[in-house]
């Protein structure tokens, strides 16, 4: 994420929009306070990826519902040695 001042945004709006088009999010601040964000549109491809990620998280959570504390700690430490 890129942060720019309002004055910088006014002077370079075309370049900032080019960056947004490439997928970057730009935060515009006034007097050091974030006031607005320029972000790429949330297209259907991104929406589907987010939906699949949420479904995956829900599946993981339901699978861990009956886990013991020791099992959860073992999963956390798996591969750390």
C-alpha atoms as a PDB file:
ATOM      1  CA  UNK A   1       0.000   0.000   0.000  1.00  0.00           C
ATOM      2  CA  UNK A   2       1.322   3.400  -0.944  1.00  0.00           C
ATOM      3  CA  UNK A   3       0.720   6.575   1.096  1.00  0.00           C
ATOM      4  CA  UNK A   4       0.760  10.028  -0.513  1.00  0.00           C
ATOM      5  CA  UNK A   5      -0.142  13.537   0.564  1.00  0.00           C
ATOM      6  CA  UNK A   6      -3.117  15.333  -0.950  1.00  0.00           C
ATOM      7  CA  UNK A   7      -0.788  17.765  -2.726  1.00  0.00           C
ATOM      8  CA  UNK A   8       1.192  14.853  -4.201  1.00  0.00           C
ATOM      9  CA  UNK A   9      -2.034  13.134  -5.277  1.00  0.00           C
ATOM     10  CA  UNK A  10      -3.273  16.289  -7.026  1.00  0.00           C
ATOM     11  CA  UNK A  11       0.012  16.698  -8.878  1.00  0.00           C
ATOM     12  CA  UNK A  12       0.331  13.023  -9.873  1.00  0.00           C
ATOM     13  CA  UNK A  13      -3.216  11.697 -10.189  1.00  0.00           C
ATOM     14  CA  UNK A  14      -2.614  10.051 -13.582  1.00  0.00           C
ATOM     15  CA  UNK A  15       0.402   8.127 -12.266  1.00  0.00           C
ATOM     16  CA  UNK A  16      -1.497   7.102  -9.144  1.00  0.00           C
ATOM     17  CA  UNK A  17      -4.389   5.802 -11.244  1.00  0.00           C
ATOM     18  CA  UNK A  18      -1.889   3.797 -13.315  1.00  0.00           C
ATOM     19  CA  UNK A  19      -0.645   2.195 -10.092  1.00  0.00           C
ATOM     20  CA  UNK A  20      -4.202   1.416  -8.988  1.00  0.00           C
ATOM     21  CA  UNK A  21      -4.852  -0.140 -12.387  1.00  0.00           C
ATOM     22  CA  UNK A  22      -1.875  -2.455 -11.737  1.00  0.00           C
ATOM     23  CA  UNK A  23      -3.472  -3.562  -8.434  1.00  0.00           C
ATOM     24  CA  UNK A  24      -1.862  -1.149  -5.937  1.00  0.00           C
ATOM     25  CA  UNK A  25      -3.941   0.570  -3.231  1.00  0.00           C
ATOM     26  CA  UNK A  26      -3.057   4.228  -2.619  1.00  0.00           C
ATOM     27  CA  UNK A  27      -3.938   6.044   0.613  1.00  0.00           C
ATOM     28  CA  UNK A  28      -4.249   9.826   0.397  1.00  0.00           C
ATOM     29  CA  UNK A  29      -3.612  11.839   3.537  1.00  0.00           C
ATOM     30  CA  UNK A  30      -4.236  15.457   4.472  1.00  0.00           C
ATOM     31  CA  UNK A  31      -2.079  16.954   7.221  1.00  0.00           C
ATOM     32  CA  UNK A  32      -0.841  13.470   8.133  1.00  0.00           C
ATOM     33  CA  UNK A  33      -4.320  11.964   8.540  1.00  0.00           C
ATOM     34  CA  UNK A  34      -5.505   9.276   6.097  1.00  0.00           C
ATOM     35  CA  UNK A  35      -8.549  10.638   4.310  1.00  0.00           C
ATOM     36  CA  UNK A  36      -9.195   8.367   1.309  1.00  0.00           C
ATOM     37  CA  UNK A  37      -8.081   5.260  -0.535  1.00  0.00           C
ATOM     38  CA  UNK A  38      -7.851   4.584  -4.228  1.00  0.00           C
ATOM     39  CA  UNK A  39      -8.219   0.860  -4.808  1.00  0.00           C
ATOM     40  CA  UNK A  40      -8.803  -1.401  -7.784  1.00  0.00           C
ATOM     41  CA  UNK A  41     -12.381  -2.522  -8.312  1.00  0.00           C
ATOM     42  CA  UNK A  42     -13.368  -5.762  -6.602  1.00  0.00           C
ATOM     43  CA  UNK A  43     -13.945  -7.908  -9.676  1.00  0.00           C
ATOM     44  CA  UNK A  44     -15.683 -11.296  -9.847  1.00  0.00           C
ATOM     45  CA  UNK A  45     -12.394 -13.222  -9.953  1.00  0.00           C
ATOM     46  CA  UNK A  46     -11.263 -11.654  -6.666  1.00  0.00           C
ATOM     47  CA  UNK A  47     -14.724 -12.122  -5.150  1.00  0.00           C
ATOM     48  CA  UNK A  48     -14.651 -15.857  -5.994  1.00  0.00           C
ATOM     49  CA  UNK A  49     -11.137 -16.242  -4.545  1.00  0.00           C
ATOM     50  CA  UNK A  50     -12.288 -14.561  -1.324  1.00  0.00           C
ATOM     51  CA  UNK A  51     -15.368 -16.804  -1.151  1.00  0.00           C
ATOM     52  CA  UNK A  52     -13.222 -19.927  -1.562  1.00  0.00           C
ATOM     53  CA  UNK A  53     -10.809 -18.730   1.122  1.00  0.00           C
ATOM     54  CA  UNK A  54     -13.676 -18.166   3.550  1.00  0.00           C
ATOM     55  CA  UNK A  55     -15.087 -21.631   2.822  1.00  0.00           C
ATOM     56  CA  UNK A  56     -11.637 -23.133   3.435  1.00  0.00           C
ATOM     57  CA  UNK A  57     -11.314 -21.351   6.767  1.00  0.00           C
ATOM     58  CA  UNK A  58     -14.760 -22.562   7.822  1.00  0.00           C
ATOM     59  CA  UNK A  59     -13.835 -26.139   6.885  1.00  0.00           C
ATOM     60  CA  UNK A  60     -10.637 -25.918   8.923  1.00  0.00           C
ATOM     61  CA  UNK A  61     -12.487 -24.498  11.896  1.00  0.00           C
ATOM     62  CA  UNK A  62     -15.127 -27.231  11.845  1.00  0.00           C
ATOM     63  CA  UNK A  63     -12.426 -29.908  11.648  1.00  0.00           C
ATOM     64  CA  UNK A  64     -10.634 -28.503  14.686  1.00  0.00           C
ATOM     65  CA  UNK A  65     -13.771 -28.260  16.821  1.00  0.00           C
ATOM     66  CA  UNK A  66     -13.123 -31.552  18.609  1.00  0.00           C
ATOM     67  CA  UNK A  67      -9.358 -31.111  18.925  1.00  0.00           C
ATOM     68  CA  UNK A  68      -7.620 -31.164  22.270  1.00  0.00           C
ATOM     69  CA  UNK A  69      -5.264 -28.430  23.447  1.00  0.00           C
ATOM     70  CA  UNK A  70      -2.311 -30.788  22.976  1.00  0.00           C
ATOM     71  CA  UNK A  71      -3.328 -31.480  19.367  1.00  0.00           C
ATOM     72  CA  UNK A  72      -3.660 -27.781  18.594  1.00  0.00           C
ATOM     73  CA  UNK A  73      -0.235 -27.064  20.101  1.00  0.00           C
ATOM     74  CA  UNK A  74       1.274 -29.948  18.111  1.00  0.00           C
ATOM     75  CA  UNK A  75      -0.240 -28.550  14.892  1.00  0.00           C
ATOM     76  CA  UNK A  76       1.134 -25.101  15.710  1.00  0.00           C
ATOM     77  CA  UNK A  77       4.633 -26.467  16.280  1.00  0.00           C
ATOM     78  CA  UNK A  78       4.585 -28.851  13.314  1.00  0.00           C
ATOM     79  CA  UNK A  79       7.606 -28.257  11.092  1.00  0.00           C
ATOM     80  CA  UNK A  80       9.374 -25.871  13.480  1.00  0.00           C
ATOM     81  CA  UNK A  81      12.144 -28.267  14.458  1.00  0.00           C
END
